[in-house]
Amino acid sequence: MIRASRVLSLARNRRIVRRFAERPIPHDVLAAVLETARYAPSAKEAQPWRFIVVREALNRHRIAAAAFNHLHVKTAPIVVVCTARVHSHISGSGRASHPLDLAAAVESMVLAATDLGLASSWITGYREAAIREILEVPADVPIVAILALGYPDGVDALPERRTREEIITWERWRREDARSPTP
């Protein structure tokens, strides 16, 4: 087996955090995490992402309320609201690329945060209209995700990972009850 790369190691060691420690993130650490998002891949290199970094406690608590009072949003010293320009690339299939582009940028931040000793929590459940109002996001700008960042106050184990055979098929789709040969 090939030795695991640094990125694979970071992905394997990322942990779910439910609560963040009351410890500020140094500006240079936060800047490094945000910088990785700039270099994420995007369709046609359109880079549709726009990130709103929320440090102010009142707004973080208001965002937490709009995110169904998740403790990991409430306790995070930094909340990054991930939005997209609406004129992002539309593929030949008619699908807008911005949700995937933003997912690549957020995952880049998650891995960078892990590398720098931070924890993160990627949130997709929230009342978009409430967050739009709190942060004055225009109606035509989609809010795609929220990323809570901070130092962990305890971590949860990652759930058991599905086996390779369950998630990877070769050459074509396979029924759940069929075995797929590995190359």
N, C-alpha and C. Protein backbone atom coordinates (compact mmCIF):
# COMPACT_ATOMS: atom_id res chain seq x y z
N MET A 1 0.84 -1.18 0.00
CA MET A 1 0.00 0.00 0.00
C MET A 1 0.89 1.25 0.00
N ILE A 2 0.47 2.24 -0.72
CA ILE A 2 1.22 3.49 -0.81
C ILE A 2 1.10 4.23 0.52
N ARG A 3 2.21 4.81 0.94
CA ARG A 3 2.22 5.59 2.18
C ARG A 3 1.23 6.76 2.05
N ALA A 4 0.48 7.00 3.08
CA ALA A 4 -0.53 8.06 3.07
C ALA A 4 0.12 9.42 2.92
N SER A 5 -0.44 10.23 2.06
CA SER A 5 0.05 11.58 1.86
C SER A 5 -0.38 12.47 3.02
N ARG A 6 0.18 13.65 3.07
CA ARG A 6 -0.18 14.62 4.12
C ARG A 6 -1.66 14.96 4.06
N VAL A 7 -2.20 15.14 2.86
CA VAL A 7 -3.63 15.48 2.72
C VAL A 7 -4.49 14.33 3.22
N LEU A 8 -4.15 13.11 2.87
CA LEU A 8 -4.91 11.96 3.35
C LEU A 8 -4.84 11.88 4.86
N SER A 9 -3.68 12.14 5.41
CA SER A 9 -3.52 12.13 6.87
C SER A 9 -4.42 13.19 7.52
N LEU A 10 -4.46 14.37 6.93
CA LEU A 10 -5.33 15.43 7.47
C LEU A 10 -6.79 15.02 7.38
N ALA A 11 -7.19 14.45 6.25
CA ALA A 11 -8.58 14.02 6.09
C ALA A 11 -8.94 12.95 7.11
N ARG A 12 -8.02 12.03 7.35
CA ARG A 12 -8.28 10.95 8.30
C ARG A 12 -8.33 11.45 9.75
N ASN A 13 -7.59 12.50 10.03
CA ASN A 13 -7.49 12.99 11.41
C ASN A 13 -8.44 14.14 11.73
N ARG A 14 -9.18 14.59 10.76
CA ARG A 14 -10.19 15.61 11.01
C ARG A 14 -11.25 15.00 11.91
N ARG A 15 -11.70 15.76 12.87
CA ARG A 15 -12.69 15.24 13.81
C ARG A 15 -13.87 16.18 13.93
N ILE A 16 -14.98 15.61 14.27
CA ILE A 16 -16.19 16.40 14.51
C ILE A 16 -16.07 17.07 15.86
N VAL A 17 -16.40 18.34 15.91
CA VAL A 17 -16.35 19.07 17.17
C VAL A 17 -17.75 19.60 17.46
N ARG A 18 -18.17 19.46 18.67
CA ARG A 18 -19.49 19.95 19.06
C ARG A 18 -19.40 21.27 19.82
N ARG A 19 -18.22 21.54 20.36
CA ARG A 19 -18.04 22.73 21.17
C ARG A 19 -16.61 23.22 20.98
N PHE A 20 -16.48 24.54 20.87
CA PHE A 20 -15.16 25.14 20.71
C PHE A 20 -14.69 25.74 22.03
N ALA A 21 -13.38 25.74 22.22
CA ALA A 21 -12.78 26.34 23.41
C ALA A 21 -12.87 27.86 23.33
N GLU A 22 -12.91 28.50 24.48
CA GLU A 22 -12.91 29.97 24.52
C GLU A 22 -11.47 30.44 24.35
N ARG A 23 -11.02 30.39 23.14
CA ARG A 23 -9.64 30.75 22.80
C ARG A 23 -9.66 31.42 21.43
N PRO A 24 -9.16 32.63 21.33
CA PRO A 24 -9.18 33.30 20.03
C PRO A 24 -8.23 32.66 19.03
N ILE A 25 -8.54 32.82 17.77
CA ILE A 25 -7.69 32.33 16.70
C ILE A 25 -6.78 33.49 16.29
N PRO A 26 -5.46 33.30 16.34
CA PRO A 26 -4.57 34.37 15.89
C PRO A 26 -4.86 34.75 14.43
N HIS A 27 -4.71 36.03 14.12
CA HIS A 27 -5.04 36.52 12.79
C HIS A 27 -4.27 35.78 11.69
N ASP A 28 -2.98 35.51 11.90
CA ASP A 28 -2.20 34.85 10.86
C ASP A 28 -2.68 33.41 10.61
N VAL A 29 -3.17 32.75 11.64
CA VAL A 29 -3.71 31.39 11.48
C VAL A 29 -5.01 31.46 10.68
N LEU A 30 -5.89 32.38 11.05
CA LEU A 30 -7.15 32.55 10.32
C LEU A 30 -6.87 32.93 8.87
N ALA A 31 -5.94 33.84 8.66
CA ALA A 31 -5.60 34.27 7.30
C ALA A 31 -5.11 33.10 6.46
N ALA A 32 -4.33 32.21 7.05
CA ALA A 32 -3.83 31.04 6.33
C ALA A 32 -4.98 30.11 5.93
N VAL A 33 -5.92 29.90 6.82
CA VAL A 33 -7.08 29.06 6.52
C VAL A 33 -7.88 29.68 5.37
N LEU A 34 -8.15 30.97 5.45
CA LEU A 34 -8.92 31.64 4.41
C LEU A 34 -8.18 31.65 3.08
N GLU A 35 -6.88 31.76 3.13
CA GLU A 35 -6.07 31.80 1.91
C GLU A 35 -6.22 30.51 1.10
N THR A 36 -6.37 29.37 1.78
CA THR A 36 -6.50 28.11 1.04
C THR A 36 -7.76 28.10 0.18
N ALA A 37 -8.80 28.78 0.61
CA ALA A 37 -10.04 28.82 -0.17
C ALA A 37 -9.82 29.53 -1.51
N ARG A 38 -8.94 30.50 -1.53
CA ARG A 38 -8.66 31.23 -2.77
C ARG A 38 -8.10 30.33 -3.85
N TYR A 39 -7.44 29.25 -3.45
CA TYR A 39 -6.78 28.38 -4.41
C TYR A 39 -7.56 27.10 -4.71
N ALA A 40 -8.78 27.02 -4.22
CA ALA A 40 -9.60 25.85 -4.50
C ALA A 40 -9.97 25.83 -5.99
N PRO A 41 -10.20 24.65 -6.53
CA PRO A 41 -10.62 24.60 -7.93
C PRO A 41 -12.06 25.08 -8.08
N SER A 42 -12.36 25.64 -9.25
CA SER A 42 -13.74 26.03 -9.56
C SER A 42 -13.95 25.91 -11.06
N ALA A 43 -15.18 25.70 -11.46
CA ALA A 43 -15.50 25.56 -12.88
C ALA A 43 -15.05 26.81 -13.63
N LYS A 44 -14.34 26.58 -14.72
CA LYS A 44 -13.81 27.67 -15.55
C LYS A 44 -12.99 28.67 -14.74
N GLU A 45 -12.50 28.23 -13.58
CA GLU A 45 -11.74 29.10 -12.66
C GLU A 45 -12.49 30.40 -12.37
N ALA A 46 -13.82 30.28 -12.27
CA ALA A 46 -14.67 31.46 -12.02
C ALA A 46 -14.54 32.00 -10.60
N GLN A 47 -14.13 31.15 -9.67
CA GLN A 47 -13.95 31.55 -8.27
C GLN A 47 -15.16 32.34 -7.75
N PRO A 48 -16.33 31.71 -7.74
CA PRO A 48 -17.55 32.44 -7.40
C PRO A 48 -17.73 32.73 -5.91
N TRP A 49 -16.86 32.19 -5.08
CA TRP A 49 -17.03 32.30 -3.64
C TRP A 49 -16.84 33.72 -3.13
N ARG A 50 -17.60 34.00 -2.10
CA ARG A 50 -17.45 35.23 -1.32
C ARG A 50 -17.68 34.80 0.12
N PHE A 51 -16.73 35.12 0.99
CA PHE A 51 -16.79 34.66 2.38
C PHE A 51 -16.98 35.85 3.31
N ILE A 52 -17.92 35.71 4.22
CA ILE A 52 -18.14 36.73 5.24
C ILE A 52 -17.61 36.15 6.55
N VAL A 53 -16.55 36.74 7.07
CA VAL A 53 -15.93 36.28 8.31
C VAL A 53 -16.56 37.04 9.46
N VAL A 54 -17.20 36.31 10.35
CA VAL A 54 -17.93 36.94 11.46
C VAL A 54 -17.17 36.65 12.75
N ARG A 55 -16.68 37.72 13.38
CA ARG A 55 -15.95 37.61 14.65
C ARG A 55 -16.76 38.17 15.81
N GLU A 56 -17.61 39.13 15.53
CA GLU A 56 -18.37 39.85 16.56
C GLU A 56 -19.35 38.90 17.24
N ALA A 57 -19.30 38.84 18.56
CA ALA A 57 -20.07 37.85 19.33
C ALA A 57 -21.58 37.94 19.10
N LEU A 58 -22.13 39.13 19.07
CA LEU A 58 -23.58 39.26 18.90
C LEU A 58 -24.02 38.66 17.56
N ASN A 59 -23.31 38.97 16.51
CA ASN A 59 -23.68 38.41 15.21
C ASN A 59 -23.46 36.90 15.16
N ARG A 60 -22.41 36.40 15.80
CA ARG A 60 -22.20 34.95 15.84
C ARG A 60 -23.35 34.26 16.55
N HIS A 61 -23.84 34.87 17.64
CA HIS A 61 -24.97 34.28 18.38
C HIS A 61 -26.26 34.38 17.58
N ARG A 62 -26.41 35.44 16.84
CA ARG A 62 -27.60 35.57 15.98
C ARG A 62 -27.56 34.53 14.86
N ILE A 63 -26.37 34.30 14.31
CA ILE A 63 -26.22 33.27 13.28
C ILE A 63 -26.48 31.89 13.88
N ALA A 64 -25.99 31.66 15.09
CA ALA A 64 -26.25 30.38 15.76
C ALA A 64 -27.75 30.15 15.92
N ALA A 65 -28.48 31.19 16.29
CA ALA A 65 -29.94 31.05 16.42
C ALA A 65 -30.56 30.70 15.08
N ALA A 66 -30.05 31.31 14.00
CA ALA A 66 -30.57 31.01 12.66
C ALA A 66 -30.14 29.62 12.19
N ALA A 67 -29.13 29.06 12.83
CA ALA A 67 -28.66 27.71 12.51
C ALA A 67 -29.17 26.72 13.56
N PHE A 68 -30.39 26.95 14.03
CA PHE A 68 -31.08 26.04 14.94
C PHE A 68 -30.33 25.83 16.25
N ASN A 69 -29.63 26.87 16.70
CA ASN A 69 -28.93 26.90 17.98
C ASN A 69 -27.91 25.77 18.16
N HIS A 70 -27.27 25.40 17.07
CA HIS A 70 -26.21 24.39 17.18
C HIS A 70 -25.10 24.92 18.09
N LEU A 71 -24.71 24.13 19.06
CA LEU A 71 -23.68 24.53 20.02
C LEU A 71 -22.36 24.85 19.33
N HIS A 72 -22.03 24.10 18.28
CA HIS A 72 -20.76 24.35 17.60
C HIS A 72 -20.75 25.70 16.89
N VAL A 73 -21.90 26.23 16.53
CA VAL A 73 -21.94 27.59 15.96
C VAL A 73 -21.90 28.62 17.08
N LYS A 74 -22.63 28.34 18.15
CA LYS A 74 -22.67 29.26 19.30
C LYS A 74 -21.32 29.50 19.93
N THR A 75 -20.49 28.46 20.01
CA THR A 75 -19.23 28.57 20.74
C THR A 75 -18.03 28.89 19.85
N ALA A 76 -18.21 28.90 18.55
CA ALA A 76 -17.09 29.15 17.63
C ALA A 76 -16.66 30.61 17.70
N PRO A 77 -15.36 30.87 17.82
CA PRO A 77 -14.89 32.25 17.82
C PRO A 77 -14.93 32.89 16.43
N ILE A 78 -15.00 32.05 15.39
CA ILE A 78 -15.09 32.53 14.01
C ILE A 78 -16.17 31.74 13.30
N VAL A 79 -17.03 32.46 12.61
CA VAL A 79 -18.04 31.85 11.76
C VAL A 79 -17.84 32.43 10.37
N VAL A 80 -17.64 31.54 9.40
CA VAL A 80 -17.45 31.97 8.02
C VAL A 80 -18.72 31.60 7.26
N VAL A 81 -19.40 32.62 6.75
CA VAL A 81 -20.60 32.39 5.95
C VAL A 81 -20.16 32.39 4.49
N CYS A 82 -20.44 31.29 3.83
CA CYS A 82 -19.94 31.05 2.48
C CYS A 82 -21.04 31.32 1.46
N THR A 83 -20.82 32.33 0.65
CA THR A 83 -21.80 32.74 -0.34
C THR A 83 -21.19 32.63 -1.74
N ALA A 84 -22.03 32.80 -2.75
CA ALA A 84 -21.55 32.69 -4.14
C ALA A 84 -22.15 33.79 -5.00
N ARG A 85 -21.36 34.22 -5.94
CA ARG A 85 -21.89 35.14 -6.95
C ARG A 85 -22.91 34.35 -7.76
N VAL A 86 -23.99 34.99 -8.14
CA VAL A 86 -25.02 34.28 -8.89
C VAL A 86 -24.65 34.07 -10.33
N HIS A 87 -23.71 34.80 -10.83
CA HIS A 87 -23.34 34.60 -12.23
C HIS A 87 -22.19 33.60 -12.36
N SER A 88 -22.21 32.58 -11.50
CA SER A 88 -21.19 31.54 -11.61
C SER A 88 -21.45 30.72 -12.88
N HIS A 89 -20.52 29.91 -13.22
CA HIS A 89 -20.57 29.10 -14.45
C HIS A 89 -21.77 28.16 -14.45
N ILE A 90 -22.42 28.06 -15.60
CA ILE A 90 -23.49 27.09 -15.81
C ILE A 90 -22.95 26.05 -16.78
N SER A 91 -22.99 24.79 -16.39
CA SER A 91 -22.43 23.73 -17.23
C SER A 91 -23.35 23.43 -18.40
N GLY A 92 -22.87 22.59 -19.28
CA GLY A 92 -23.67 22.18 -20.43
C GLY A 92 -24.95 21.48 -20.04
N SER A 93 -24.99 20.92 -18.82
CA SER A 93 -26.20 20.25 -18.34
C SER A 93 -27.21 21.25 -17.77
N GLY A 94 -26.81 22.51 -17.68
CA GLY A 94 -27.69 23.53 -17.13
C GLY A 94 -27.55 23.71 -15.63
N ARG A 95 -26.62 22.99 -15.00
CA ARG A 95 -26.42 23.10 -13.55
C ARG A 95 -25.44 24.21 -13.23
N ALA A 96 -25.79 25.00 -12.24
CA ALA A 96 -24.86 26.02 -11.75
C ALA A 96 -23.71 25.33 -11.03
N SER A 97 -22.52 25.85 -11.19
CA SER A 97 -21.35 25.23 -10.59
C SER A 97 -21.09 25.69 -9.16
N HIS A 98 -21.72 26.79 -8.73
CA HIS A 98 -21.31 27.38 -7.45
C HIS A 98 -21.45 26.46 -6.24
N PRO A 99 -22.43 25.56 -6.14
CA PRO A 99 -22.44 24.69 -4.95
C PRO A 99 -21.20 23.80 -4.86
N LEU A 100 -20.77 23.25 -5.99
CA LEU A 100 -19.57 22.41 -5.98
C LEU A 100 -18.31 23.24 -5.78
N ASP A 101 -18.27 24.40 -6.41
CA ASP A 101 -17.11 25.28 -6.24
C ASP A 101 -16.94 25.67 -4.77
N LEU A 102 -18.05 26.02 -4.12
CA LEU A 102 -17.99 26.38 -2.70
C LEU A 102 -17.61 25.18 -1.84
N ALA A 103 -18.11 24.00 -2.19
CA ALA A 103 -17.75 22.81 -1.43
C ALA A 103 -16.25 22.57 -1.49
N ALA A 104 -15.64 22.77 -2.66
CA ALA A 104 -14.19 22.60 -2.78
C ALA A 104 -13.46 23.62 -1.91
N ALA A 105 -13.93 24.85 -1.91
CA ALA A 105 -13.27 25.90 -1.12
C ALA A 105 -13.43 25.63 0.38
N VAL A 106 -14.61 25.20 0.81
CA VAL A 106 -14.84 24.91 2.23
C VAL A 106 -13.98 23.73 2.67
N GLU A 107 -13.92 22.69 1.85
CA GLU A 107 -13.09 21.54 2.22
C GLU A 107 -11.61 21.94 2.31
N SER A 108 -11.17 22.83 1.45
CA SER A 108 -9.79 23.33 1.55
C SER A 108 -9.57 24.00 2.90
N MET A 109 -10.55 24.79 3.34
CA MET A 109 -10.42 25.45 4.64
C MET A 109 -10.45 24.43 5.78
N VAL A 110 -11.29 23.41 5.66
CA VAL A 110 -11.37 22.37 6.70
C VAL A 110 -10.02 21.69 6.86
N LEU A 111 -9.39 21.32 5.76
CA LEU A 111 -8.10 20.64 5.82
C LEU A 111 -7.01 21.57 6.35
N ALA A 112 -7.02 22.83 5.92
CA ALA A 112 -6.03 23.79 6.43
C ALA A 112 -6.22 24.01 7.92
N ALA A 113 -7.47 24.13 8.35
CA ALA A 113 -7.74 24.32 9.78
C ALA A 113 -7.20 23.14 10.58
N THR A 114 -7.43 21.93 10.10
CA THR A 114 -6.92 20.73 10.77
C THR A 114 -5.40 20.77 10.86
N ASP A 115 -4.77 21.15 9.76
CA ASP A 115 -3.31 21.22 9.71
C ASP A 115 -2.76 22.23 10.71
N LEU A 116 -3.52 23.28 10.99
CA LEU A 116 -3.07 24.34 11.89
C LEU A 116 -3.57 24.16 13.32
N GLY A 117 -4.11 23.00 13.63
CA GLY A 117 -4.54 22.70 15.00
C GLY A 117 -5.93 23.20 15.35
N LEU A 118 -6.67 23.67 14.37
CA LEU A 118 -8.04 24.12 14.60
C LEU A 118 -9.02 22.99 14.31
N ALA A 119 -10.21 23.18 14.79
CA ALA A 119 -11.31 22.28 14.45
C ALA A 119 -12.30 23.09 13.64
N SER A 120 -13.15 22.40 12.93
CA SER A 120 -14.15 23.08 12.12
C SER A 120 -15.44 22.28 12.15
N SER A 121 -16.51 22.97 11.83
CA SER A 121 -17.80 22.31 11.70
C SER A 121 -18.50 22.95 10.52
N TRP A 122 -18.81 22.13 9.55
CA TRP A 122 -19.42 22.57 8.29
C TRP A 122 -20.92 22.44 8.44
N ILE A 123 -21.64 23.54 8.33
CA ILE A 123 -23.08 23.56 8.58
C ILE A 123 -23.84 23.91 7.31
N THR A 124 -24.84 23.10 6.99
CA THR A 124 -25.70 23.40 5.84
C THR A 124 -27.16 23.57 6.27
N GLY A 125 -27.43 23.40 7.55
CA GLY A 125 -28.79 23.56 8.05
C GLY A 125 -28.93 24.91 8.76
N TYR A 126 -29.67 25.82 8.16
CA TYR A 126 -29.86 27.16 8.73
C TYR A 126 -31.03 27.83 8.01
N ARG A 127 -31.53 28.86 8.63
CA ARG A 127 -32.59 29.66 8.02
C ARG A 127 -31.91 30.75 7.19
N GLU A 128 -31.90 30.55 5.91
CA GLU A 128 -31.16 31.44 5.02
C GLU A 128 -31.64 32.88 5.11
N ALA A 129 -32.94 33.09 5.17
CA ALA A 129 -33.47 34.45 5.23
C ALA A 129 -32.97 35.19 6.47
N ALA A 130 -32.88 34.50 7.59
CA ALA A 130 -32.41 35.13 8.82
C ALA A 130 -30.93 35.52 8.69
N ILE A 131 -30.13 34.63 8.15
CA ILE A 131 -28.71 34.95 7.98
C ILE A 131 -28.53 36.08 6.98
N ARG A 132 -29.32 36.06 5.94
CA ARG A 132 -29.29 37.12 4.94
C ARG A 132 -29.56 38.48 5.60
N GLU A 133 -30.54 38.51 6.50
CA GLU A 133 -30.88 39.76 7.19
C GLU A 133 -29.77 40.19 8.16
N ILE A 134 -29.23 39.27 8.92
CA ILE A 134 -28.18 39.57 9.90
C ILE A 134 -26.97 40.19 9.22
N LEU A 135 -26.57 39.62 8.08
CA LEU A 135 -25.33 40.03 7.42
C LEU A 135 -25.54 40.93 6.21
N GLU A 136 -26.80 41.28 5.96
CA GLU A 136 -27.14 42.16 4.84
C GLU A 136 -26.68 41.60 3.49
N VAL A 137 -26.90 40.31 3.31
CA VAL A 137 -26.56 39.64 2.06
C VAL A 137 -27.68 39.90 1.07
N PRO A 138 -27.37 40.38 -0.13
CA PRO A 138 -28.42 40.64 -1.12
C PRO A 138 -29.23 39.39 -1.45
N ALA A 139 -30.46 39.58 -1.83
CA ALA A 139 -31.38 38.47 -2.10
C ALA A 139 -30.91 37.57 -3.24
N ASP A 140 -30.14 38.11 -4.16
CA ASP A 140 -29.73 37.31 -5.32
C ASP A 140 -28.38 36.60 -5.11
N VAL A 141 -27.87 36.61 -3.87
CA VAL A 141 -26.60 35.94 -3.56
C VAL A 141 -26.90 34.72 -2.70
N PRO A 142 -26.69 33.52 -3.23
CA PRO A 142 -26.98 32.32 -2.44
C PRO A 142 -26.01 32.15 -1.27
N ILE A 143 -26.55 31.75 -0.13
CA ILE A 143 -25.74 31.36 1.02
C ILE A 143 -25.66 29.84 0.95
N VAL A 144 -24.44 29.34 0.77
CA VAL A 144 -24.26 27.92 0.48
C VAL A 144 -23.93 27.11 1.72
N ALA A 145 -23.17 27.67 2.65
CA ALA A 145 -22.75 26.93 3.84
C ALA A 145 -22.24 27.89 4.89
N ILE A 146 -22.10 27.35 6.09
CA ILE A 146 -21.47 28.07 7.21
C ILE A 146 -20.34 27.18 7.69
N LEU A 147 -19.21 27.80 7.99
CA LEU A 147 -18.09 27.05 8.55
C LEU A 147 -17.73 27.67 9.89
N ALA A 148 -17.89 26.89 10.95
CA ALA A 148 -17.50 27.32 12.29
C ALA A 148 -16.06 26.89 12.51
N LEU A 149 -15.24 27.81 13.02
CA LEU A 149 -13.82 27.54 13.25
C LEU A 149 -13.41 27.88 14.67
N GLY A 150 -12.51 27.10 15.22
CA GLY A 150 -11.98 27.40 16.54
C GLY A 150 -11.10 26.26 17.03
N TYR A 151 -10.59 26.44 18.22
CA TYR A 151 -9.84 25.36 18.86
C TYR A 151 -10.85 24.44 19.53
N PRO A 152 -10.65 23.15 19.44
CA PRO A 152 -11.65 22.22 19.97
C PRO A 152 -11.70 22.22 21.50
N ASP A 153 -12.90 22.03 22.01
CA ASP A 153 -13.11 21.79 23.43
C ASP A 153 -13.65 20.36 23.50
N GLY A 154 -12.76 19.41 23.22
CA GLY A 154 -13.16 18.01 23.11
C GLY A 154 -13.54 17.71 21.68
N VAL A 155 -13.37 16.47 21.29
CA VAL A 155 -13.70 16.05 19.93
C VAL A 155 -14.46 14.74 19.97
N ASP A 156 -15.24 14.51 18.94
CA ASP A 156 -15.93 13.24 18.77
C ASP A 156 -15.12 12.39 17.81
N ALA A 157 -15.22 11.11 17.94
CA ALA A 157 -14.60 10.22 16.97
C ALA A 157 -15.37 10.32 15.66
N LEU A 158 -14.66 10.15 14.58
CA LEU A 158 -15.35 10.10 13.29
C LEU A 158 -16.20 8.84 13.26
N PRO A 159 -17.34 8.92 12.61
CA PRO A 159 -18.13 7.70 12.47
C PRO A 159 -17.32 6.66 11.70
N GLU A 160 -17.67 5.42 11.89
CA GLU A 160 -17.02 4.34 11.14
C GLU A 160 -17.15 4.65 9.65
N ARG A 161 -16.07 4.53 8.92
CA ARG A 161 -16.08 4.80 7.48
C ARG A 161 -16.61 3.59 6.74
N ARG A 162 -17.36 3.84 5.68
CA ARG A 162 -17.83 2.75 4.84
C ARG A 162 -16.63 2.11 4.14
N THR A 163 -16.75 0.86 3.80
CA THR A 163 -15.65 0.17 3.13
C THR A 163 -15.49 0.68 1.71
N ARG A 164 -14.31 0.47 1.16
CA ARG A 164 -14.07 0.86 -0.23
C ARG A 164 -15.07 0.17 -1.16
N GLU A 165 -15.35 -1.10 -0.88
CA GLU A 165 -16.26 -1.86 -1.73
C GLU A 165 -17.67 -1.28 -1.71
N GLU A 166 -18.05 -0.65 -0.62
CA GLU A 166 -19.38 -0.05 -0.54
C GLU A 166 -19.49 1.25 -1.32
N ILE A 167 -18.40 1.97 -1.47
CA ILE A 167 -18.50 3.30 -2.05
C ILE A 167 -17.84 3.46 -3.42
N ILE A 168 -17.04 2.49 -3.84
CA ILE A 168 -16.34 2.61 -5.11
C ILE A 168 -16.74 1.46 -6.02
N THR A 169 -17.13 1.79 -7.23
CA THR A 169 -17.36 0.77 -8.25
C THR A 169 -16.44 1.09 -9.42
N TRP A 170 -16.18 0.12 -10.24
CA TRP A 170 -15.29 0.29 -11.39
C TRP A 170 -16.06 0.09 -12.67
N GLU A 171 -15.96 1.03 -13.53
CA GLU A 171 -16.51 1.01 -14.89
C GLU A 171 -18.00 1.26 -15.01
N ARG A 172 -18.81 0.90 -14.03
CA ARG A 172 -20.27 1.13 -14.12
C ARG A 172 -20.90 0.99 -12.75
N TRP A 173 -22.14 1.43 -12.65
CA TRP A 173 -22.92 1.32 -11.42
C TRP A 173 -23.12 -0.16 -11.10
N ARG A 174 -23.20 -0.48 -9.83
CA ARG A 174 -23.51 -1.85 -9.46
C ARG A 174 -24.62 -1.85 -8.42
N ARG A 175 -25.38 -2.91 -8.44
CA ARG A 175 -26.42 -3.07 -7.44
C ARG A 175 -25.78 -3.23 -6.08
N GLU A 176 -26.50 -2.85 -5.04
CA GLU A 176 -25.98 -2.97 -3.67
C GLU A 176 -25.67 -4.40 -3.27
N ASP A 177 -26.36 -5.35 -3.88
CA ASP A 177 -26.16 -6.75 -3.49
C ASP A 177 -25.11 -7.46 -4.36
N ALA A 178 -24.48 -6.73 -5.27
CA ALA A 178 -23.46 -7.34 -6.14
C ALA A 178 -22.08 -6.91 -5.70
N ARG A 179 -21.11 -7.75 -5.87
CA ARG A 179 -19.71 -7.42 -5.57
C ARG A 179 -19.07 -6.82 -6.80
N SER A 180 -18.25 -5.82 -6.60
CA SER A 180 -17.53 -5.20 -7.68
C SER A 180 -16.07 -5.63 -7.61
N PRO A 181 -15.51 -6.11 -8.73
CA PRO A 181 -14.11 -6.51 -8.67
C PRO A 181 -13.21 -5.29 -8.51
N THR A 182 -12.12 -5.47 -7.83
CA THR A 182 -11.15 -4.38 -7.71
C THR A 182 -10.05 -4.60 -8.71
N PRO A 183 -9.54 -3.55 -9.30
CA PRO A 183 -8.50 -3.71 -10.33
C PRO A 183 -7.18 -4.15 -9.72
